């Protein structure tokens, strides 16, 4: 078994301890960057949820004199747009920070990828859920409003 293969199988704590002090400091710094990007993504999602609730529960925001159902339907496409912007701003950068980029597959990069892969997967899952939600709302928001609210 090569060193790279063993790095993927070795426990994370053991892999981290095998790094020299400089690599450990660099790895900790990169982990902080990843956590900050993930926090910004979560903030972005909370902002979208908040905006969604404001639109749904405040009919007086209807500036185009359309029915509330149509207003909600139009907002569904905004959800998808905001999520796509979030994808471009946060998840793409997060993916670049997490994935092994050096051709030699350095142990510190393998450690970061193994430890933070779950964060990337959660981010991609949440983005997918919101894009699907936005698509459904933009397609059927008026019907849902009429059925559930009235």
N, C-alpha and C. Protein backbone atom coordinates (compact mmCIF):
# COMPACT_ATOMS: atom_id res chain seq x y z
N UNK A 1 0.84 -1.17 0.00
CA UNK A 1 0.00 0.00 0.00
C UNK A 1 0.90 1.25 0.00
N UNK A 2 0.59 2.20 -0.87
CA UNK A 2 1.38 3.42 -0.96
C UNK A 2 1.03 4.37 0.18
N UNK A 3 1.83 5.40 0.34
CA UNK A 3 1.56 6.40 1.38
C UNK A 3 0.22 7.09 1.16
N UNK A 4 -0.08 7.38 -0.09
CA UNK A 4 -1.35 8.06 -0.40
C UNK A 4 -2.52 7.17 -0.01
N UNK A 5 -2.47 5.90 -0.37
CA UNK A 5 -3.55 4.98 -0.01
C UNK A 5 -3.70 4.87 1.51
N UNK A 6 -2.57 4.80 2.20
CA UNK A 6 -2.65 4.70 3.66
C UNK A 6 -3.18 5.99 4.28
N UNK A 7 -2.90 7.15 3.66
CA UNK A 7 -3.43 8.42 4.16
C UNK A 7 -4.95 8.47 4.07
N UNK A 8 -5.51 7.81 3.07
CA UNK A 8 -6.97 7.78 2.94
C UNK A 8 -7.61 6.80 3.92
N UNK A 9 -6.84 5.87 4.46
CA UNK A 9 -7.39 4.86 5.36
C UNK A 9 -7.04 5.13 6.82
N UNK A 10 -6.00 5.85 7.07
CA UNK A 10 -5.53 6.15 8.42
C UNK A 10 -6.55 7.03 9.15
N UNK A 11 -6.71 6.86 10.46
CA UNK A 11 -7.62 7.74 11.22
C UNK A 11 -7.17 9.20 11.07
N UNK A 12 -8.15 10.11 11.05
CA UNK A 12 -7.86 11.52 10.82
C UNK A 12 -6.90 12.10 11.85
N UNK A 13 -7.08 11.76 13.10
CA UNK A 13 -6.20 12.31 14.13
C UNK A 13 -4.76 11.86 13.90
N UNK A 14 -4.59 10.61 13.56
CA UNK A 14 -3.25 10.08 13.28
C UNK A 14 -2.64 10.75 12.05
N UNK A 15 -3.45 10.96 11.02
CA UNK A 15 -2.99 11.63 9.81
C UNK A 15 -2.54 13.06 10.12
N UNK A 16 -3.32 13.77 10.95
CA UNK A 16 -2.96 15.14 11.32
C UNK A 16 -1.66 15.17 12.12
N UNK A 17 -1.51 14.23 13.05
CA UNK A 17 -0.32 14.22 13.89
C UNK A 17 0.95 13.86 13.12
N UNK A 18 0.81 13.20 11.99
CA UNK A 18 1.98 12.84 11.18
C UNK A 18 2.54 14.06 10.43
N UNK A 19 1.72 15.11 10.28
CA UNK A 19 2.16 16.31 9.58
C UNK A 19 3.17 17.07 10.44
N UNK A 20 4.10 17.76 9.75
CA UNK A 20 5.03 18.59 10.52
C UNK A 20 4.29 19.81 11.05
N UNK A 21 4.91 20.54 11.96
CA UNK A 21 4.26 21.66 12.63
C UNK A 21 3.77 22.72 11.64
N UNK A 22 4.55 23.03 10.64
CA UNK A 22 4.17 24.02 9.63
C UNK A 22 2.93 23.56 8.86
N UNK A 23 2.90 22.31 8.47
CA UNK A 23 1.75 21.77 7.75
C UNK A 23 0.52 21.73 8.64
N UNK A 24 0.70 21.45 9.93
CA UNK A 24 -0.44 21.45 10.85
C UNK A 24 -1.04 22.85 10.97
N UNK A 25 -0.18 23.86 11.09
CA UNK A 25 -0.67 25.24 11.18
C UNK A 25 -1.39 25.64 9.90
N UNK A 26 -0.83 25.28 8.78
CA UNK A 26 -1.45 25.59 7.48
C UNK A 26 -2.79 24.89 7.34
N UNK A 27 -2.86 23.66 7.80
CA UNK A 27 -4.09 22.89 7.73
C UNK A 27 -5.17 23.50 8.63
N UNK A 28 -4.79 23.91 9.82
CA UNK A 28 -5.74 24.56 10.73
C UNK A 28 -6.26 25.85 10.13
N UNK A 29 -5.39 26.62 9.50
CA UNK A 29 -5.79 27.87 8.85
C UNK A 29 -6.78 27.59 7.71
N UNK A 30 -6.50 26.55 6.93
CA UNK A 30 -7.39 26.21 5.82
C UNK A 30 -8.75 25.73 6.35
N UNK A 31 -8.74 24.99 7.44
CA UNK A 31 -10.00 24.54 8.05
C UNK A 31 -10.84 25.74 8.49
N UNK A 32 -10.19 26.76 9.04
CA UNK A 32 -10.92 27.97 9.44
C UNK A 32 -11.55 28.64 8.23
N UNK A 33 -10.81 28.72 7.12
CA UNK A 33 -11.35 29.30 5.88
C UNK A 33 -12.59 28.53 5.43
N UNK A 34 -12.51 27.22 5.47
CA UNK A 34 -13.63 26.37 5.05
C UNK A 34 -14.84 26.62 5.95
N UNK A 35 -14.60 26.69 7.26
CA UNK A 35 -15.70 26.93 8.19
C UNK A 35 -16.33 28.30 7.98
N UNK A 36 -15.53 29.30 7.66
CA UNK A 36 -16.05 30.64 7.38
C UNK A 36 -16.92 30.61 6.13
N UNK A 37 -16.45 29.94 5.07
CA UNK A 37 -17.25 29.84 3.85
C UNK A 37 -18.56 29.11 4.11
N UNK A 38 -18.51 28.06 4.90
CA UNK A 38 -19.72 27.32 5.22
C UNK A 38 -20.68 28.19 6.04
N UNK A 39 -20.15 28.97 6.98
CA UNK A 39 -20.98 29.88 7.77
C UNK A 39 -21.65 30.92 6.88
N UNK A 40 -20.92 31.46 5.90
CA UNK A 40 -21.52 32.41 4.97
C UNK A 40 -22.62 31.75 4.15
N UNK A 41 -22.41 30.52 3.75
CA UNK A 41 -23.44 29.80 3.00
C UNK A 41 -24.69 29.61 3.86
N UNK A 42 -24.51 29.23 5.12
CA UNK A 42 -25.65 29.07 6.01
C UNK A 42 -26.36 30.40 6.23
N UNK A 43 -25.61 31.48 6.37
CA UNK A 43 -26.21 32.80 6.50
C UNK A 43 -27.03 33.13 5.26
N UNK A 44 -26.49 32.81 4.10
CA UNK A 44 -27.17 33.04 2.82
C UNK A 44 -28.49 32.28 2.78
N UNK A 45 -28.47 31.02 3.21
CA UNK A 45 -29.69 30.21 3.22
C UNK A 45 -30.71 30.76 4.21
N UNK A 46 -30.26 31.20 5.38
CA UNK A 46 -31.17 31.78 6.37
C UNK A 46 -31.78 33.07 5.82
N UNK A 47 -31.00 33.86 5.12
CA UNK A 47 -31.51 35.07 4.50
C UNK A 47 -32.60 34.74 3.48
N UNK A 48 -32.37 33.72 2.67
CA UNK A 48 -33.37 33.31 1.67
C UNK A 48 -34.64 32.82 2.35
N UNK A 49 -34.50 32.05 3.41
CA UNK A 49 -35.68 31.56 4.14
C UNK A 49 -36.45 32.74 4.73
N UNK A 50 -35.75 33.68 5.31
CA UNK A 50 -36.39 34.86 5.89
C UNK A 50 -37.13 35.67 4.83
N UNK A 51 -36.49 35.90 3.71
CA UNK A 51 -37.13 36.63 2.62
C UNK A 51 -38.37 35.87 2.13
N UNK A 52 -38.26 34.56 2.05
CA UNK A 52 -39.40 33.74 1.61
C UNK A 52 -40.58 33.91 2.56
N UNK A 53 -40.32 33.86 3.86
CA UNK A 53 -41.40 34.01 4.83
C UNK A 53 -42.01 35.40 4.79
N UNK A 54 -41.18 36.41 4.59
CA UNK A 54 -41.70 37.77 4.49
C UNK A 54 -42.63 37.89 3.29
N UNK A 55 -42.22 37.35 2.16
CA UNK A 55 -43.04 37.42 0.94
C UNK A 55 -44.37 36.68 1.13
N UNK A 56 -44.31 35.52 1.74
CA UNK A 56 -45.51 34.70 1.90
C UNK A 56 -46.50 35.33 2.88
N UNK A 57 -45.99 35.88 3.99
CA UNK A 57 -46.87 36.34 5.05
C UNK A 57 -47.13 37.85 5.08
N UNK A 58 -46.66 38.57 4.09
CA UNK A 58 -46.92 40.01 4.07
C UNK A 58 -47.51 40.41 2.72
N UNK A 59 -48.81 40.24 2.55
CA UNK A 59 -49.44 40.54 1.26
C UNK A 59 -49.30 42.00 0.85
N UNK A 60 -49.11 42.92 1.78
CA UNK A 60 -49.00 44.32 1.41
C UNK A 60 -47.73 44.63 0.61
N UNK A 61 -46.82 43.69 0.52
CA UNK A 61 -45.64 43.89 -0.31
C UNK A 61 -45.94 43.74 -1.80
N UNK A 62 -47.14 43.36 -2.12
CA UNK A 62 -47.55 43.14 -3.50
C UNK A 62 -47.67 44.49 -4.22
N UNK A 63 -46.60 44.89 -4.88
CA UNK A 63 -46.57 46.20 -5.54
C UNK A 63 -47.17 46.16 -6.95
N UNK A 64 -47.39 45.00 -7.50
CA UNK A 64 -47.87 44.90 -8.89
C UNK A 64 -49.38 44.67 -8.98
N UNK A 65 -50.08 44.74 -7.84
CA UNK A 65 -51.53 44.55 -7.80
C UNK A 65 -51.97 43.22 -8.40
N UNK A 66 -51.18 42.18 -8.20
CA UNK A 66 -51.56 40.83 -8.63
C UNK A 66 -52.05 40.07 -7.41
N UNK A 67 -52.63 38.92 -7.65
CA UNK A 67 -53.07 38.10 -6.52
C UNK A 67 -51.84 37.63 -5.74
N UNK A 68 -52.07 37.34 -4.46
CA UNK A 68 -50.97 36.89 -3.61
C UNK A 68 -50.37 35.58 -4.14
N UNK A 69 -51.21 34.72 -4.68
CA UNK A 69 -50.72 33.47 -5.25
C UNK A 69 -49.75 33.70 -6.39
N UNK A 70 -50.07 34.64 -7.28
CA UNK A 70 -49.16 34.96 -8.38
C UNK A 70 -47.86 35.56 -7.85
N UNK A 71 -47.97 36.38 -6.81
CA UNK A 71 -46.79 37.00 -6.22
C UNK A 71 -45.85 35.93 -5.66
N UNK A 72 -46.41 34.95 -4.97
CA UNK A 72 -45.62 33.84 -4.43
C UNK A 72 -45.00 33.04 -5.57
N UNK A 73 -45.75 32.82 -6.62
CA UNK A 73 -45.25 32.08 -7.77
C UNK A 73 -44.05 32.80 -8.39
N UNK A 74 -44.14 34.09 -8.55
CA UNK A 74 -43.02 34.86 -9.10
C UNK A 74 -41.80 34.78 -8.18
N UNK A 75 -42.06 34.77 -6.88
CA UNK A 75 -40.96 34.73 -5.94
C UNK A 75 -40.19 33.41 -6.00
N UNK A 76 -40.86 32.33 -6.41
CA UNK A 76 -40.18 31.03 -6.52
C UNK A 76 -38.98 31.09 -7.44
N UNK A 77 -39.09 31.84 -8.53
CA UNK A 77 -37.94 31.95 -9.43
C UNK A 77 -36.82 32.77 -8.79
N UNK A 78 -37.18 33.70 -7.91
CA UNK A 78 -36.15 34.47 -7.18
C UNK A 78 -35.38 33.57 -6.22
N UNK A 79 -36.09 32.62 -5.61
CA UNK A 79 -35.41 31.67 -4.73
C UNK A 79 -34.36 30.91 -5.52
N UNK A 80 -34.73 30.40 -6.69
CA UNK A 80 -33.78 29.65 -7.51
C UNK A 80 -32.61 30.53 -7.93
N UNK A 81 -32.89 31.77 -8.28
CA UNK A 81 -31.83 32.69 -8.67
C UNK A 81 -30.86 32.96 -7.52
N UNK A 82 -31.40 33.23 -6.33
CA UNK A 82 -30.55 33.50 -5.17
C UNK A 82 -29.72 32.28 -4.80
N UNK A 83 -30.30 31.10 -4.91
CA UNK A 83 -29.55 29.88 -4.62
C UNK A 83 -28.44 29.68 -5.64
N UNK A 84 -28.72 29.97 -6.90
CA UNK A 84 -27.68 29.84 -7.94
C UNK A 84 -26.53 30.80 -7.66
N UNK A 85 -26.84 32.01 -7.21
CA UNK A 85 -25.78 32.97 -6.85
C UNK A 85 -24.99 32.42 -5.67
N UNK A 86 -25.69 31.87 -4.69
CA UNK A 86 -25.01 31.25 -3.55
C UNK A 86 -24.10 30.11 -3.97
N UNK A 87 -24.57 29.33 -4.91
CA UNK A 87 -23.76 28.23 -5.45
C UNK A 87 -22.47 28.77 -6.04
N UNK A 88 -22.59 29.80 -6.85
CA UNK A 88 -21.41 30.37 -7.49
C UNK A 88 -20.46 31.00 -6.48
N UNK A 89 -21.02 31.72 -5.51
CA UNK A 89 -20.17 32.44 -4.56
C UNK A 89 -19.54 31.54 -3.51
N UNK A 90 -20.30 30.62 -2.97
CA UNK A 90 -19.83 29.89 -1.80
C UNK A 90 -19.42 28.45 -2.08
N UNK A 91 -20.30 27.69 -2.69
CA UNK A 91 -20.03 26.26 -2.84
C UNK A 91 -18.89 26.01 -3.81
N UNK A 92 -18.81 26.78 -4.87
CA UNK A 92 -17.70 26.60 -5.80
C UNK A 92 -16.37 26.86 -5.10
N UNK A 93 -16.30 27.92 -4.32
CA UNK A 93 -15.08 28.24 -3.58
C UNK A 93 -14.81 27.19 -2.51
N UNK A 94 -15.84 26.76 -1.82
CA UNK A 94 -15.71 25.73 -0.80
C UNK A 94 -15.17 24.44 -1.41
N UNK A 95 -15.67 24.10 -2.57
CA UNK A 95 -15.21 22.90 -3.26
C UNK A 95 -13.73 22.99 -3.61
N UNK A 96 -13.31 24.16 -4.06
CA UNK A 96 -11.90 24.34 -4.40
C UNK A 96 -11.00 24.24 -3.16
N UNK A 97 -11.50 24.71 -2.02
CA UNK A 97 -10.71 24.65 -0.79
C UNK A 97 -10.58 23.22 -0.26
N UNK A 98 -11.60 22.42 -0.49
CA UNK A 98 -11.63 21.08 0.11
C UNK A 98 -10.94 20.03 -0.74
N UNK A 99 -11.11 20.08 -2.04
CA UNK A 99 -10.59 19.02 -2.90
C UNK A 99 -9.07 19.03 -2.97
N UNK A 100 -8.49 17.83 -3.09
CA UNK A 100 -7.04 17.69 -3.24
C UNK A 100 -6.65 18.26 -4.59
N UNK A 101 -5.73 19.23 -4.56
CA UNK A 101 -5.35 19.89 -5.81
C UNK A 101 -3.91 19.61 -6.24
N UNK A 102 -3.07 19.22 -5.31
CA UNK A 102 -1.66 18.97 -5.64
C UNK A 102 -1.52 17.60 -6.28
N UNK A 103 -0.75 17.53 -7.34
CA UNK A 103 -0.61 16.27 -8.07
C UNK A 103 -0.05 15.15 -7.21
N UNK A 104 0.71 15.49 -6.18
CA UNK A 104 1.33 14.47 -5.33
C UNK A 104 0.39 14.02 -4.22
N UNK A 105 -0.79 14.60 -4.14
CA UNK A 105 -1.77 14.28 -3.10
C UNK A 105 -1.11 14.34 -1.71
N UNK A 106 -0.83 15.55 -1.28
CA UNK A 106 -0.18 15.79 -0.01
C UNK A 106 -1.06 15.34 1.15
N UNK A 107 -0.44 14.87 2.21
CA UNK A 107 -1.18 14.37 3.36
C UNK A 107 -2.07 15.45 3.97
N UNK A 108 -1.60 16.70 4.00
CA UNK A 108 -2.42 17.78 4.58
C UNK A 108 -3.68 18.01 3.75
N UNK A 109 -3.58 17.90 2.43
CA UNK A 109 -4.76 18.06 1.57
C UNK A 109 -5.71 16.88 1.72
N UNK A 110 -5.16 15.71 1.85
CA UNK A 110 -6.00 14.52 2.06
C UNK A 110 -6.76 14.65 3.38
N UNK A 111 -6.07 15.15 4.41
CA UNK A 111 -6.71 15.36 5.71
C UNK A 111 -7.88 16.33 5.59
N UNK A 112 -7.65 17.47 4.93
CA UNK A 112 -8.71 18.47 4.75
C UNK A 112 -9.89 17.88 3.97
N UNK A 113 -9.59 17.18 2.89
CA UNK A 113 -10.66 16.60 2.08
C UNK A 113 -11.49 15.60 2.89
N UNK A 114 -10.83 14.74 3.61
CA UNK A 114 -11.56 13.74 4.38
C UNK A 114 -12.36 14.36 5.51
N UNK A 115 -11.79 15.35 6.17
CA UNK A 115 -12.46 15.96 7.32
C UNK A 115 -13.62 16.86 6.90
N UNK A 116 -13.47 17.58 5.82
CA UNK A 116 -14.45 18.61 5.44
C UNK A 116 -15.38 18.18 4.32
N UNK A 117 -15.24 16.99 3.81
CA UNK A 117 -16.10 16.53 2.72
C UNK A 117 -17.57 16.57 3.12
N UNK A 118 -17.86 16.29 4.38
CA UNK A 118 -19.25 16.30 4.85
C UNK A 118 -19.84 17.71 4.75
N UNK A 119 -19.03 18.72 5.02
CA UNK A 119 -19.51 20.11 4.91
C UNK A 119 -19.90 20.41 3.47
N UNK A 120 -19.06 19.99 2.54
CA UNK A 120 -19.35 20.21 1.12
C UNK A 120 -20.61 19.45 0.71
N UNK A 121 -20.74 18.23 1.15
CA UNK A 121 -21.92 17.44 0.80
C UNK A 121 -23.20 18.04 1.38
N UNK A 122 -23.15 18.54 2.61
CA UNK A 122 -24.31 19.20 3.22
C UNK A 122 -24.67 20.43 2.41
N UNK A 123 -23.66 21.20 2.03
CA UNK A 123 -23.90 22.42 1.24
C UNK A 123 -24.56 22.11 -0.09
N UNK A 124 -24.06 21.11 -0.76
CA UNK A 124 -24.63 20.72 -2.06
C UNK A 124 -26.06 20.20 -1.87
N UNK A 125 -26.29 19.44 -0.82
CA UNK A 125 -27.64 18.93 -0.55
C UNK A 125 -28.61 20.07 -0.29
N UNK A 126 -28.23 21.02 0.58
CA UNK A 126 -29.11 22.15 0.88
C UNK A 126 -29.38 22.98 -0.37
N UNK A 127 -28.37 23.20 -1.18
CA UNK A 127 -28.56 23.95 -2.42
C UNK A 127 -29.55 23.23 -3.33
N UNK A 128 -29.40 21.93 -3.45
CA UNK A 128 -30.31 21.16 -4.30
C UNK A 128 -31.75 21.24 -3.80
N UNK A 129 -31.94 21.12 -2.50
CA UNK A 129 -33.28 21.20 -1.91
C UNK A 129 -33.91 22.56 -2.21
N UNK A 130 -33.14 23.63 -2.04
CA UNK A 130 -33.69 24.96 -2.27
C UNK A 130 -33.95 25.23 -3.75
N UNK A 131 -33.13 24.71 -4.62
CA UNK A 131 -33.39 24.89 -6.05
C UNK A 131 -34.68 24.16 -6.44
N UNK A 132 -34.85 22.96 -5.94
CA UNK A 132 -36.09 22.22 -6.22
C UNK A 132 -37.29 22.96 -5.63
N UNK A 133 -37.15 23.45 -4.39
CA UNK A 133 -38.23 24.21 -3.76
C UNK A 133 -38.57 25.44 -4.59
N UNK A 134 -37.56 26.17 -5.04
CA UNK A 134 -37.78 27.37 -5.86
C UNK A 134 -38.48 27.04 -7.17
N UNK A 135 -38.08 25.92 -7.78
CA UNK A 135 -38.71 25.52 -9.04
C UNK A 135 -40.17 25.15 -8.83
N UNK A 136 -40.46 24.44 -7.76
CA UNK A 136 -41.85 24.05 -7.47
C UNK A 136 -42.69 25.28 -7.16
N UNK A 137 -42.15 26.19 -6.36
CA UNK A 137 -42.90 27.40 -6.01
C UNK A 137 -43.13 28.26 -7.25
N UNK A 138 -42.11 28.38 -8.11
CA UNK A 138 -42.31 29.21 -9.30
C UNK A 138 -43.30 28.58 -10.28
N UNK A 139 -43.43 27.28 -10.23
CA UNK A 139 -44.38 26.62 -11.13
C UNK A 139 -45.79 26.56 -10.56
N UNK A 140 -45.89 26.25 -9.26
CA UNK A 140 -47.19 25.97 -8.67
C UNK A 140 -47.51 26.82 -7.45
N UNK A 141 -46.77 27.90 -7.22
CA UNK A 141 -46.98 28.73 -6.04
C UNK A 141 -48.38 29.27 -5.91
N UNK A 142 -48.97 29.70 -7.02
CA UNK A 142 -50.33 30.23 -6.96
C UNK A 142 -51.33 29.15 -6.56
N UNK A 143 -51.13 27.93 -7.05
CA UNK A 143 -52.05 26.83 -6.70
C UNK A 143 -51.91 26.45 -5.23
N UNK A 144 -50.65 26.39 -4.74
CA UNK A 144 -50.43 26.08 -3.33
C UNK A 144 -51.07 27.14 -2.44
N UNK A 145 -50.91 28.38 -2.83
CA UNK A 145 -51.49 29.48 -2.05
C UNK A 145 -53.01 29.35 -1.98
N UNK A 146 -53.62 29.13 -3.11
CA UNK A 146 -55.08 29.01 -3.14
C UNK A 146 -55.55 27.81 -2.34
N UNK A 147 -54.83 26.68 -2.43
CA UNK A 147 -55.25 25.46 -1.76
C UNK A 147 -55.03 25.52 -0.25
N UNK A 148 -53.83 25.98 0.17
CA UNK A 148 -53.48 25.92 1.60
C UNK A 148 -53.89 27.16 2.38
N UNK A 149 -53.90 28.32 1.76
CA UNK A 149 -54.19 29.56 2.49
C UNK A 149 -55.69 29.87 2.43
N UNK A 150 -56.29 29.67 1.29
CA UNK A 150 -57.72 30.00 1.15
C UNK A 150 -58.53 28.76 1.27
